C-alpha atoms as a PDB file:
ATOM      1  CA  MET A   1      93.567  66.694 141.472  1.00  0.00           C
ATOM      2  CA  GLU A   2      96.867  65.023 142.179  1.00  0.00           C
ATOM      3  CA  ILE A   3      98.678  67.029 139.534  1.00  0.00           C
ATOM      4  CA  ILE A   4      98.148  70.225 141.518  1.00  0.00           C
ATOM      5  CA  GLN A   5      99.769  68.606 144.553  1.00  0.00           C
ATOM      6  CA  ILE A   6     102.662  67.314 142.465  1.00  0.00           C
ATOM      7  CA  VAL A   7     103.190  70.688 140.804  1.00  0.00           C
ATOM      8  CA  GLY A   8     103.003  72.376 144.209  1.00  0.00           C
ATOM      9  CA  ILE A   9     105.658  70.067 145.634  1.00  0.00           C
ATOM     10  CA  GLY A  10     107.798  70.680 142.555  1.00  0.00           C
ATOM     11  CA  LEU A  11     107.480  74.449 142.738  1.00  0.00           C
ATOM     12  CA  ILE A  12     108.269  74.585 146.455  1.00  0.00           C
ATOM     13  CA  ALA A  13     111.280  72.329 145.959  1.00  0.00           C
ATOM     14  CA  THR A  14     112.434  74.452 143.023  1.00  0.00           C
ATOM     15  CA  ILE A  15     112.263  77.640 145.063  1.00  0.00           C
ATOM     16  CA  LEU A  16     114.169  76.010 147.934  1.00  0.00           C
ATOM     17  CA  ALA A  17     116.775  74.620 145.542  1.00  0.00           C
ATOM     18  CA  ILE A  18     117.286  78.013 143.909  1.00  0.00           C
ATOM     19  CA  LEU A  19     117.647  79.721 147.283  1.00  0.00           C
ATOM     20  CA  LEU A  20     120.182  77.155 148.493  1.00  0.00           C
ATOM     21  CA  ASN A  21     122.065  76.807 145.213  1.00  0.00           C
ATOM     22  CA  ASP A  22     124.350  79.793 145.806  1.00  0.00           C
ATOM     23  CA  GLN A  23     125.381  78.893 149.343  1.00  0.00           C
ATOM     24  CA  LYS A  24     125.039  75.097 149.518  1.00  0.00           C
ATOM     25  CA  PRO A  25     124.824  73.497 146.052  1.00  0.00           C
ATOM     26  CA  GLN A  26     124.983  69.984 147.526  1.00  0.00           C
ATOM     27  CA  PHE A  27     121.769  70.669 149.462  1.00  0.00           C
ATOM     28  CA  SER A  28     120.176  71.950 146.276  1.00  0.00           C
ATOM     29  CA  PHE A  29     120.884  68.602 144.609  1.00  0.00           C
ATOM     30  CA  LEU A  30     119.590  66.678 147.619  1.00  0.00           C
ATOM     31  CA  ILE A  31     116.346  68.658 147.524  1.00  0.00           C
ATOM     32  CA  ALA A  32     115.931  67.771 143.844  1.00  0.00           C
ATOM     33  CA  LEU A  33     116.643  64.104 144.540  1.00  0.00           C
ATOM     34  CA  PHE A  34     114.309  63.974 147.524  1.00  0.00           C
ATOM     35  CA  THR A  35     111.554  65.723 145.574  1.00  0.00           C
ATOM     36  CA  GLY A  36     111.848  63.238 142.726  1.00  0.00           C
ATOM     37  CA  ILE A  37     111.574  60.339 145.149  1.00  0.00           C
ATOM     38  CA  VAL A  38     108.573  61.883 146.936  1.00  0.00           C
ATOM     39  CA  ILE A  39     106.762  62.439 143.635  1.00  0.00           C
ATOM     40  CA  PHE A  40     107.527  58.871 142.561  1.00  0.00           C
ATOM     41  CA  LEU A  41     106.229  57.489 145.866  1.00  0.00           C
ATOM     42  CA  PHE A  42     103.130  59.639 145.466  1.00  0.00           C
ATOM     43  CA  LEU A  43     102.454  57.925 142.128  1.00  0.00           C
ATOM     44  CA  ILE A  44     103.111  54.320 143.204  1.00  0.00           C
ATOM     45  CA  GLY A  45      99.409  53.721 143.858  1.00  0.00           C
ATOM     46  CA  LYS A  46      98.502  54.931 140.371  1.00  0.00           C
ATOM     47  CA  ILE A  47     101.185  52.746 138.815  1.00  0.00           C
ATOM     48  CA  SER A  48      99.937  49.741 140.759  1.00  0.00           C
ATOM     49  CA  SER A  49      96.353  50.353 139.606  1.00  0.00           C
ATOM     50  CA  ALA A  50      97.445  50.593 135.969  1.00  0.00           C
ATOM     51  CA  ILE A  51      99.407  47.341 136.236  1.00  0.00           C
ATOM     52  CA  GLN A  52      96.416  45.546 137.756  1.00  0.00           C
ATOM     53  CA  VAL A  53      94.155  46.714 134.915  1.00  0.00           C
ATOM     54  CA  LEU A  54      96.689  45.552 132.318  1.00  0.00           C
ATOM     55  CA  GLU A  55      97.026  42.161 134.030  1.00  0.00           C
ATOM     56  CA  ARG A  56      93.238  41.743 134.100  1.00  0.00           C
ATOM     57  CA  LEU A  57      92.987  42.614 130.399  1.00  0.00           C
ATOM     58  CA  ALA A  58      95.784  40.177 129.561  1.00  0.00           C
ATOM     59  CA  VAL A  59      94.029  37.361 131.425  1.00  0.00           C
ATOM     60  CA  GLN A  60      90.706  38.136 129.696  1.00  0.00           C
ATOM     61  CA  SER A  61      92.442  38.194 126.301  1.00  0.00           C
ATOM     62  CA  ASN A  62      94.340  34.951 126.953  1.00  0.00           C
ATOM     63  CA  ILE A  63      97.639  36.715 126.388  1.00  0.00           C
ATOM     64  CA  ASN A  64     100.648  34.934 127.797  1.00  0.00           C
ATOM     65  CA  MET A  65     101.574  36.739 131.024  1.00  0.00           C
ATOM     66  CA  VAL A  66     105.278  36.434 130.167  1.00  0.00           C
ATOM     67  CA  TYR A  67     104.802  39.014 127.424  1.00  0.00           C
ATOM     68  CA  LEU A  68     102.970  41.445 129.686  1.00  0.00           C
ATOM     69  CA  GLU A  69     105.576  41.037 132.420  1.00  0.00           C
ATOM     70  CA  THR A  70     108.340  41.666 129.898  1.00  0.00           C
ATOM     71  CA  ILE A  71     106.647  44.802 128.588  1.00  0.00           C
ATOM     72  CA  LEU A  72     106.125  46.101 132.131  1.00  0.00           C
ATOM     73  CA  LYS A  73     109.783  45.433 132.937  1.00  0.00           C
ATOM     74  CA  ILE A  74     110.806  47.316 129.801  1.00  0.00           C
ATOM     75  CA  ILE A  75     108.646  50.275 130.799  1.00  0.00           C
ATOM     76  CA  GLY A  76     110.136  50.151 134.301  1.00  0.00           C
ATOM     77  CA  ILE A  77     113.675  50.161 132.927  1.00  0.00           C
ATOM     78  CA  ALA A  78     112.852  53.162 130.736  1.00  0.00           C
ATOM     79  CA  TYR A  79     111.394  55.161 133.620  1.00  0.00           C
ATOM     80  CA  ILE A  80     114.173  54.291 136.058  1.00  0.00           C
ATOM     81  CA  ALA A  81     116.896  55.076 133.522  1.00  0.00           C
ATOM     82  CA  GLU A  82     115.247  58.387 132.622  1.00  0.00           C
ATOM     83  CA  PHE A  83     114.728  59.399 136.253  1.00  0.00           C
ATOM     84  CA  SER A  84     118.260  58.536 137.301  1.00  0.00           C
ATOM     85  CA  ALA A  85     119.796  60.165 134.214  1.00  0.00           C
ATOM     86  CA  GLN A  86     117.917  63.383 134.973  1.00  0.00           C
ATOM     87  CA  MET A  87     119.112  63.320 138.580  1.00  0.00           C
ATOM     88  CA  VAL A  88     122.703  62.794 137.469  1.00  0.00           C
ATOM     89  CA  LYS A  89     122.358  65.643 134.944  1.00  0.00           C
ATOM     90  CA  ASP A  90     121.053  67.867 137.745  1.00  0.00           C
ATOM     91  CA  ALA A  91     124.249  67.040 139.639  1.00  0.00           C
ATOM     92  CA  GLY A  92     126.238  68.284 136.651  1.00  0.00           C
ATOM     93  CA  GLN A  93     127.418  64.909 135.378  1.00  0.00           C
ATOM     94  CA  GLY A  94     126.083  64.807 131.822  1.00  0.00           C
ATOM     95  CA  ALA A  95     128.570  62.170 130.665  1.00  0.00           C
ATOM     96  CA  ILE A  96     127.492  59.723 133.360  1.00  0.00           C
ATOM     97  CA  ALA A  97     123.841  60.484 132.589  1.00  0.00           C
ATOM     98  CA  SER A  98     124.461  59.558 128.952  1.00  0.00           C
ATOM     99  CA  LYS A  99     125.941  56.227 130.029  1.00  0.00           C
ATOM    100  CA  ILE A 100     122.896  55.500 132.198  1.00  0.00           C
ATOM    101  CA  GLU A 101     120.618  56.243 129.238  1.00  0.00           C
ATOM    102  CA  LEU A 102     122.714  53.975 126.997  1.00  0.00           C
ATOM    103  CA  ALA A 103     122.592  51.164 129.555  1.00  0.00           C
ATOM    104  CA  GLY A 104     118.811  51.533 129.794  1.00  0.00           C
ATOM    105  CA  LYS A 105     118.459  51.308 126.018  1.00  0.00           C
ATOM    106  CA  ILE A 106     120.643  48.220 125.824  1.00  0.00           C
ATOM    107  CA  LEU A 107     118.722  46.503 128.622  1.00  0.00           C
ATOM    108  CA  ILE A 108     115.463  47.320 126.859  1.00  0.00           C
ATOM    109  CA  ILE A 109     116.720  45.725 123.643  1.00  0.00           C
ATOM    110  CA  VAL A 110     117.844  42.624 125.524  1.00  0.00           C
ATOM    111  CA  MET A 111     114.494  42.349 127.320  1.00  0.00           C
ATOM    112  CA  ALA A 112     112.590  42.791 124.031  1.00  0.00           C
ATOM    113  CA  ILE A 113     114.359  39.970 122.168  1.00  0.00           C
ATOM    114  CA  PRO A 114     111.832  37.250 123.166  1.00  0.00           C
ATOM    115  CA  ILE A 115     108.902  39.402 122.051  1.00  0.00           C
ATOM    116  CA  ILE A 116     110.613  40.347 118.792  1.00  0.00           C
ATOM    117  CA  THR A 117     111.389  36.661 118.181  1.00  0.00           C
ATOM    118  CA  VAL A 118     107.738  35.673 118.621  1.00  0.00           C
ATOM    119  CA  ILE A 119     106.602  38.475 116.296  1.00  0.00           C
ATOM    120  CA  ILE A 120     109.069  37.430 113.591  1.00  0.00           C
ATOM    121  CA  GLU A 121     108.106  33.757 113.941  1.00  0.00           C
ATOM    122  CA  THR A 122     104.423  34.661 113.652  1.00  0.00           C
ATOM    123  CA  ILE A 123     105.057  36.732 110.519  1.00  0.00           C
ATOM    124  CA  ILE A 124     107.068  33.896 108.965  1.00  0.00           C
ATOM    125  CA  GLN A 125     104.211  31.465 109.637  1.00  0.00           C
ATOM    126  CA  LEU A 126     101.717  33.812 107.973  1.00  0.00           C
ATOM    127  CA  LEU A 127     103.776  34.165 104.818  1.00  0.00           C
ATOM    128  CA  PRO A 128     103.203  31.544 102.074  1.00  0.00           C
END
């Protein structure tokens, strides 16, 4: 049960961060950042497995790999933007976090344009 390990790491880090927050707030932030990175690294294997399954399904379905790669990049942008925005919020910089979220959303829209174009072209071809 990986979730128990992840929750355990999170709880220990939270307790340490709370204890250090009064005396050394910069260390409290570093603990939060380090914990986020450790949890992410812990999940890399799971992410890799999920990507391999999706790639296998795309090949079996004769789906163009460009579309799958684009969707995976979009998901990656969303997760990275969310993670970094949360870290910046934890550091007390909500305005910068909002800009990171906005940048992530804009990059997602830009990455999605080819897929949206294909969908619209397909719909136009289906209409009489």
